[in-house]
N, C-alpha and C. Protein backbone atom coordinates (compact mmCIF):
# COMPACT_ATOMS: atom_id res chain seq x y z
N MET A 1 -15.19 16.26 27.26
CA MET A 1 -16.17 15.67 26.46
C MET A 1 -15.90 16.01 24.90
N PRO A 2 -15.32 17.07 25.37
CA PRO A 2 -14.87 18.42 23.73
C PRO A 2 -13.63 17.25 23.49
N ASP A 3 -12.81 16.25 24.28
CA ASP A 3 -10.99 15.98 23.73
C ASP A 3 -11.97 14.55 23.46
N ASP A 4 -12.65 13.71 23.87
CA ASP A 4 -12.95 13.24 23.15
C ASP A 4 -13.16 13.44 21.55
N LEU A 5 -14.00 14.51 21.66
CA LEU A 5 -15.23 13.97 19.97
C LEU A 5 -13.75 15.12 19.54
N THR A 6 -12.63 15.23 19.73
CA THR A 6 -11.15 16.16 18.58
C THR A 6 -10.54 14.59 18.65
N ASN A 7 -10.32 14.18 19.67
CA ASN A 7 -9.58 12.88 19.17
C ASN A 7 -10.25 11.98 18.75
N GLU A 8 -11.40 11.98 18.37
CA GLU A 8 -12.51 11.20 17.80
C GLU A 8 -12.13 11.50 15.87
N ARG A 9 -12.22 12.88 15.55
CA ARG A 9 -12.11 13.36 14.70
C ARG A 9 -10.75 12.98 14.36
N THR A 10 -9.79 13.59 14.55
CA THR A 10 -7.86 13.33 14.81
C THR A 10 -8.37 12.11 13.95
N ALA A 11 -8.75 10.97 14.57
CA ALA A 11 -8.58 9.26 14.51
C ALA A 11 -8.99 8.98 12.83
N GLN A 12 -10.09 9.53 12.26
CA GLN A 12 -10.78 10.23 11.13
C GLN A 12 -10.11 10.72 10.11
N VAL A 13 -9.77 11.99 10.45
CA VAL A 13 -8.57 12.27 9.48
C VAL A 13 -7.53 11.12 9.35
N ASP A 14 -6.75 10.80 10.56
CA ASP A 14 -5.99 10.33 10.35
C ASP A 14 -5.74 9.22 9.25
N GLN A 15 -7.35 7.89 9.87
CA GLN A 15 -8.14 7.03 9.05
C GLN A 15 -8.29 7.37 7.46
N GLU A 16 -8.52 9.01 7.12
CA GLU A 16 -9.11 8.92 5.78
C GLU A 16 -7.14 9.61 4.56
N SER A 17 -6.38 10.20 5.68
CA SER A 17 -5.44 10.36 5.40
C SER A 17 -4.62 8.96 4.45
N THR A 18 -4.52 7.71 5.48
CA THR A 18 -3.93 6.76 5.43
C THR A 18 -4.81 6.10 4.29
N ALA A 19 -6.23 6.02 4.02
CA ALA A 19 -6.51 5.40 2.75
C ALA A 19 -6.07 5.76 1.57
N GLY A 20 -6.16 7.64 1.30
CA GLY A 20 -5.61 8.56 0.96
C GLY A 20 -4.42 8.34 0.17
N ALA A 21 -3.77 7.70 1.17
CA ALA A 21 -2.07 7.63 0.84
C ALA A 21 -2.23 5.50 0.04
N ALA A 22 -2.80 5.25 0.85
CA ALA A 22 -2.99 4.21 0.07
C ALA A 22 -3.45 4.11 -1.53
N GLN A 23 -4.19 4.73 -1.89
CA GLN A 23 -6.01 5.07 -2.70
C GLN A 23 -3.79 5.84 -4.58
N ALA A 24 -3.59 6.62 -3.66
CA ALA A 24 -2.32 7.37 -4.36
C ALA A 24 -1.37 5.87 -4.93
N ASP A 25 -0.92 5.92 -3.90
CA ASP A 25 0.31 4.46 -3.81
C ASP A 25 -0.26 3.73 -5.31
N GLY A 26 -1.34 2.66 -5.02
CA GLY A 26 -2.18 2.13 -6.41
C GLY A 26 -2.12 2.67 -7.27
N LEU A 27 -2.59 4.04 -7.24
CA LEU A 27 -2.63 4.52 -9.17
C LEU A 27 -0.72 4.56 -9.37
N ARG A 28 0.00 5.34 -8.02
CA ARG A 28 1.76 5.25 -8.62
C ARG A 28 1.89 3.94 -9.97
N ASP A 29 1.33 2.42 -9.04
CA ASP A 29 1.68 1.81 -9.09
C ASP A 29 1.45 1.39 -11.07
N LYS A 30 0.04 2.24 -11.06
CA LYS A 30 0.35 2.31 -12.56
C LYS A 30 0.04 3.54 -13.41
N ILE A 31 0.42 3.76 -12.82
CA ILE A 31 1.25 5.38 -13.55
C ILE A 31 2.43 4.23 -13.82
N VAL A 32 3.84 4.50 -12.73
CA VAL A 32 4.60 3.32 -13.36
C VAL A 32 4.52 2.56 -14.92
N THR A 33 3.81 1.62 -14.23
CA THR A 33 3.19 0.76 -15.74
C THR A 33 3.13 1.26 -17.08
N ALA A 34 2.15 2.57 -16.55
CA ALA A 34 1.88 3.23 -17.96
C ALA A 34 3.22 3.43 -18.41
N LEU A 35 4.06 4.59 -17.56
CA LEU A 35 5.33 4.88 -18.09
C LEU A 35 5.96 3.66 -18.63
N LYS A 36 6.43 2.64 -18.84
CA LYS A 36 7.26 1.38 -18.49
C LYS A 36 6.84 1.22 -20.02
N THR A 37 5.55 1.87 -20.98
CA THR A 37 4.79 1.46 -22.27
C THR A 37 5.51 2.63 -22.94
N VAL A 38 6.35 3.46 -22.34
CA VAL A 38 6.86 4.76 -23.00
C VAL A 38 8.29 4.62 -23.23
N TYR A 39 8.77 4.19 -25.16
CA TYR A 39 10.18 5.05 -24.64
C TYR A 39 11.03 5.74 -25.90
N ASP A 40 12.10 5.28 -25.84
CA ASP A 40 12.44 6.51 -26.87
C ASP A 40 13.08 6.38 -27.60
N PRO A 41 12.90 6.27 -28.98
CA PRO A 41 12.36 5.83 -30.00
C PRO A 41 14.14 5.48 -30.98
N GLU A 42 15.10 5.70 -30.56
CA GLU A 42 16.53 4.90 -30.92
C GLU A 42 17.19 4.31 -28.82
N ILE A 43 16.34 3.96 -27.74
CA ILE A 43 16.43 2.73 -27.60
C ILE A 43 15.98 2.67 -27.30
N PRO A 44 16.41 0.78 -26.86
CA PRO A 44 15.81 0.06 -26.57
C PRO A 44 14.81 -0.38 -24.81
N VAL A 45 15.03 0.47 -24.64
CA VAL A 45 14.35 0.58 -23.03
C VAL A 45 13.35 2.04 -22.67
N ASP A 46 12.35 1.06 -22.04
CA ASP A 46 11.33 2.43 -21.68
C ASP A 46 12.24 3.38 -20.13
N ILE A 47 11.97 4.37 -20.35
CA ILE A 47 11.91 5.81 -19.99
C ILE A 47 12.27 5.93 -18.63
N TRP A 48 11.68 4.37 -17.84
CA TRP A 48 11.35 4.36 -16.27
C TRP A 48 13.16 3.84 -16.07
N GLU A 49 13.18 2.63 -16.55
CA GLU A 49 14.25 2.04 -16.69
C GLU A 49 15.65 2.82 -16.73
N LEU A 50 15.53 4.04 -18.29
CA LEU A 50 16.54 4.28 -18.54
C LEU A 50 16.32 6.05 -17.01
N GLY A 51 15.85 5.68 -16.72
CA GLY A 51 16.13 6.86 -15.12
C GLY A 51 15.74 7.95 -15.66
N LEU A 52 14.76 8.32 -16.52
CA LEU A 52 14.40 9.60 -17.41
C LEU A 52 13.26 10.04 -16.11
N ILE A 53 12.71 9.29 -15.69
CA ILE A 53 11.60 10.60 -14.95
C ILE A 53 12.66 10.22 -13.51
N TYR A 54 12.49 12.01 -12.83
CA TYR A 54 13.67 12.18 -12.27
C TYR A 54 12.15 12.62 -10.21
N LYS A 55 10.82 13.06 -11.01
CA LYS A 55 9.88 13.20 -9.78
C LYS A 55 8.53 12.61 -9.94
N LEU A 56 7.81 12.41 -9.72
CA LEU A 56 6.24 10.98 -9.82
C LEU A 56 5.48 11.29 -8.87
N ASP A 57 4.86 12.52 -8.64
CA ASP A 57 3.54 13.22 -7.55
C ASP A 57 2.33 12.47 -8.38
N VAL A 58 1.84 11.76 -6.77
CA VAL A 58 0.42 11.81 -7.37
C VAL A 58 -0.42 12.08 -6.05
N ASP A 59 -1.14 13.16 -6.34
CA ASP A 59 -2.04 13.05 -5.37
C ASP A 59 -3.61 12.61 -4.82
N PRO A 60 -3.90 11.96 -4.18
CA PRO A 60 -5.21 11.09 -3.99
C PRO A 60 -6.16 11.76 -4.79
N ASP A 61 -6.24 13.06 -5.42
CA ASP A 61 -7.36 13.02 -6.35
C ASP A 61 -6.83 12.75 -7.26
N GLY A 62 -5.59 12.18 -8.61
CA GLY A 62 -5.56 11.87 -9.35
C GLY A 62 -4.91 12.69 -10.01
N ALA A 63 -4.37 14.32 -9.80
CA ALA A 63 -3.20 15.40 -10.45
C ALA A 63 -2.00 14.35 -10.82
N VAL A 64 -1.68 14.09 -11.58
CA VAL A 64 -0.01 13.70 -10.93
C VAL A 64 0.63 14.49 -12.17
N ASP A 65 2.13 15.05 -10.47
CA ASP A 65 2.84 15.25 -11.89
C ASP A 65 4.35 15.21 -11.47
N ILE A 66 4.58 15.16 -13.18
CA ILE A 66 6.17 14.25 -13.27
C ILE A 66 7.35 15.32 -13.70
N ASP A 67 8.39 15.73 -12.98
CA ASP A 67 9.82 16.22 -14.16
C ASP A 67 10.69 15.10 -14.56
N MET A 68 10.53 15.35 -16.15
CA MET A 68 11.88 13.91 -16.29
C MET A 68 12.59 15.05 -17.20
N THR A 69 13.48 14.21 -18.08
CA THR A 69 14.58 14.50 -18.76
C THR A 69 14.62 13.97 -19.87
N VAL A 70 15.99 13.72 -21.04
CA VAL A 70 15.70 13.75 -21.94
C VAL A 70 17.76 13.12 -21.70
N THR A 71 17.75 12.13 -22.45
CA THR A 71 19.05 11.47 -22.38
C THR A 71 20.39 12.53 -23.09
N ALA A 72 20.04 13.69 -24.16
CA ALA A 72 21.28 14.47 -24.81
C ALA A 72 19.87 16.11 -24.65
N PRO A 73 20.71 16.73 -24.32
CA PRO A 73 19.64 18.24 -25.12
C PRO A 73 19.21 17.89 -26.60
N ALA A 74 20.29 17.58 -27.50
CA ALA A 74 19.91 17.31 -28.88
C ALA A 74 19.36 15.79 -28.75
N CYS A 75 18.20 15.15 -27.84
CA CYS A 75 17.74 14.37 -28.44
C CYS A 75 16.74 14.60 -29.24
N PRO A 76 16.48 13.90 -30.82
CA PRO A 76 15.23 14.49 -31.41
C PRO A 76 13.99 14.40 -30.80
N VAL A 77 13.86 13.68 -30.29
CA VAL A 77 12.11 13.52 -29.61
C VAL A 77 12.17 14.24 -28.52
N ALA A 78 13.16 15.24 -27.76
CA ALA A 78 12.77 16.44 -26.20
C ALA A 78 11.22 16.58 -26.41
N ASP A 79 10.29 16.97 -27.84
CA ASP A 79 9.86 18.20 -27.54
C ASP A 79 8.80 16.86 -27.73
N GLU A 80 8.37 15.96 -27.84
CA GLU A 80 7.15 14.82 -28.39
C GLU A 80 7.20 14.19 -27.14
N LEU A 81 7.97 13.59 -26.31
CA LEU A 81 8.39 12.95 -25.39
C LEU A 81 7.74 13.01 -24.02
N PRO A 82 8.28 14.69 -23.94
CA PRO A 82 6.94 14.44 -22.60
C PRO A 82 5.54 14.54 -23.20
N MET A 83 4.91 14.86 -24.15
CA MET A 83 3.33 14.68 -24.90
C MET A 83 3.28 12.72 -24.63
N TRP A 84 4.02 12.39 -25.03
CA TRP A 84 4.03 11.14 -24.60
C TRP A 84 3.33 9.98 -23.59
N VAL A 85 4.23 10.66 -22.62
CA VAL A 85 4.51 10.35 -20.90
C VAL A 85 2.80 10.57 -20.71
N ARG A 86 2.58 12.44 -21.31
CA ARG A 86 1.26 12.92 -20.88
C ARG A 86 0.07 12.52 -21.43
N GLN A 87 -0.03 11.68 -22.20
CA GLN A 87 -0.88 10.37 -22.15
C GLN A 87 -1.05 9.24 -22.84
N ALA A 88 0.56 8.44 -21.82
CA ALA A 88 0.32 7.74 -21.72
C ALA A 88 -0.24 7.24 -19.64
N VAL A 89 0.27 8.56 -18.65
CA VAL A 89 0.19 8.84 -17.97
C VAL A 89 -1.48 8.89 -17.74
N GLU A 90 -1.88 10.25 -18.33
CA GLU A 90 -3.70 10.14 -18.50
C GLU A 90 -4.96 9.30 -19.32
N GLY A 91 -4.00 8.04 -19.95
CA GLY A 91 -4.30 7.02 -19.94
C GLY A 91 -4.89 6.22 -18.98
N VAL A 92 -4.06 6.16 -18.05
CA VAL A 92 -4.49 5.32 -16.61
C VAL A 92 -6.23 6.22 -15.94
N GLU A 93 -6.46 4.75 -15.82
CA GLU A 93 -7.72 4.61 -14.61
C GLU A 93 -7.04 5.28 -12.98
N GLY A 94 -8.27 6.66 -13.61
CA GLY A 94 -8.69 7.15 -11.76
C GLY A 94 -7.27 8.93 -12.31
N VAL A 95 -6.49 8.74 -13.58
CA VAL A 95 -5.52 9.74 -13.16
C VAL A 95 -6.57 10.90 -14.03
N GLN A 96 -6.82 12.72 -13.19
CA GLN A 96 -7.25 13.66 -13.61
C GLN A 96 -6.63 14.42 -14.53
N ALA A 97 -5.61 14.60 -13.97
CA ALA A 97 -4.60 15.60 -15.25
C ALA A 97 -3.58 15.26 -14.84
N CYS A 98 -2.84 15.32 -16.22
CA CYS A 98 -1.25 15.22 -15.66
C CYS A 98 -0.42 16.36 -16.08
N LYS A 99 0.13 17.28 -15.55
CA LYS A 99 1.24 17.51 -15.54
C LYS A 99 2.86 17.46 -16.15
N VAL A 100 3.65 17.35 -16.81
CA VAL A 100 4.86 17.40 -17.63
C VAL A 100 6.17 18.22 -18.17
N GLU A 101 7.13 18.30 -17.16
CA GLU A 101 7.97 19.33 -16.80
C GLU A 101 8.92 18.76 -17.42
N LEU A 102 9.95 19.32 -18.83
CA LEU A 102 11.07 18.66 -18.68
C LEU A 102 12.22 19.12 -18.22
N VAL A 103 13.08 18.72 -17.58
CA VAL A 103 14.15 19.58 -16.73
C VAL A 103 15.29 19.10 -17.43
N TRP A 104 16.38 19.77 -16.76
CA TRP A 104 18.14 19.78 -17.42
C TRP A 104 18.63 19.70 -16.37
N GLU A 105 18.50 19.31 -15.04
CA GLU A 105 18.68 19.44 -13.85
C GLU A 105 18.39 18.15 -13.26
N PRO A 106 19.09 17.18 -12.71
CA PRO A 106 20.34 17.36 -12.76
C PRO A 106 20.72 16.22 -14.38
N THR A 107 21.58 16.78 -14.88
CA THR A 107 22.28 16.03 -16.22
C THR A 107 22.25 15.26 -16.82
N TRP A 108 21.43 13.90 -16.60
CA TRP A 108 21.90 12.73 -17.27
C TRP A 108 22.42 11.97 -16.90
N HIS A 109 23.04 10.99 -16.76
CA HIS A 109 24.51 10.09 -17.24
C HIS A 109 23.79 8.63 -16.71
N PRO A 110 24.43 7.73 -17.85
CA PRO A 110 24.21 6.00 -17.68
C PRO A 110 24.15 5.47 -16.23
N GLY A 111 24.19 6.11 -15.22
CA GLY A 111 24.33 5.67 -14.08
C GLY A 111 22.74 5.94 -13.59
N MET A 112 21.99 6.74 -13.77
CA MET A 112 20.68 6.55 -13.33
C MET A 112 19.40 5.55 -13.85
N MET A 113 20.11 4.69 -14.86
CA MET A 113 19.50 3.50 -15.07
C MET A 113 19.13 2.62 -14.10
N SER A 114 18.34 1.65 -14.46
CA SER A 114 18.35 0.58 -13.53
C SER A 114 19.53 -0.38 -14.23
N GLU A 115 18.88 -1.48 -13.01
CA GLU A 115 20.07 -2.74 -13.71
C GLU A 115 19.54 -3.26 -14.81
N GLU A 116 18.53 -3.79 -14.77
CA GLU A 116 17.94 -4.18 -16.20
C GLU A 116 17.95 -3.25 -17.24
N ALA A 117 18.05 -1.82 -17.12
CA ALA A 117 18.42 -1.00 -18.56
C ALA A 117 20.02 -1.40 -18.58
N ARG A 118 20.57 -1.70 -17.78
CA ARG A 118 22.13 -1.47 -17.79
C ARG A 118 22.38 -3.08 -18.44
N VAL A 119 21.95 -4.36 -18.30
CA VAL A 119 21.61 -5.41 -18.74
C VAL A 119 21.43 -6.01 -20.06
N GLU A 120 19.96 -4.92 -20.38
CA GLU A 120 19.59 -4.73 -21.63
C GLU A 120 20.32 -4.46 -22.57
N LEU A 121 21.09 -3.34 -22.11
CA LEU A 121 22.38 -2.50 -23.46
C LEU A 121 23.73 -2.69 -23.46
N ASN A 122 24.05 -3.75 -22.25
CA ASN A 122 25.27 -4.45 -22.17
C ASN A 122 25.85 -3.17 -21.61
N MET A 123 25.67 -3.06 -20.64
CA MET A 123 26.42 -1.55 -20.13
C MET A 123 26.45 -2.16 -18.70
N PHE A 124 26.64 -3.45 -18.23
CA PHE A 124 27.69 -3.65 -16.81
C PHE A 124 28.65 -3.58 -16.67
């Protein structure tokens, strides 16, 4: 009998984990949409398509952790861009908190851009 209870509880936990993962995936999609509204003012392509977002972790409770970079260390908006990202993400329904960290490794290069970005910038 205890095995039946254990198996039932394990199935319930698995079901909750799957539901939490699906919820996080839906929230992740909304966050990506929000990230696509943030632009480096010098480049007419959003930061997602530029490949500036290196890590996007979303937990089922709505905590978001982002590692991002800029196109060059001397980027004039390097101090402001992470704040813009945080504001955009925190505006998404379901996001409880967002931590954005500016990272320098790996160094960004044009090969990190999506095909859409390359077409937009005539870099194909």
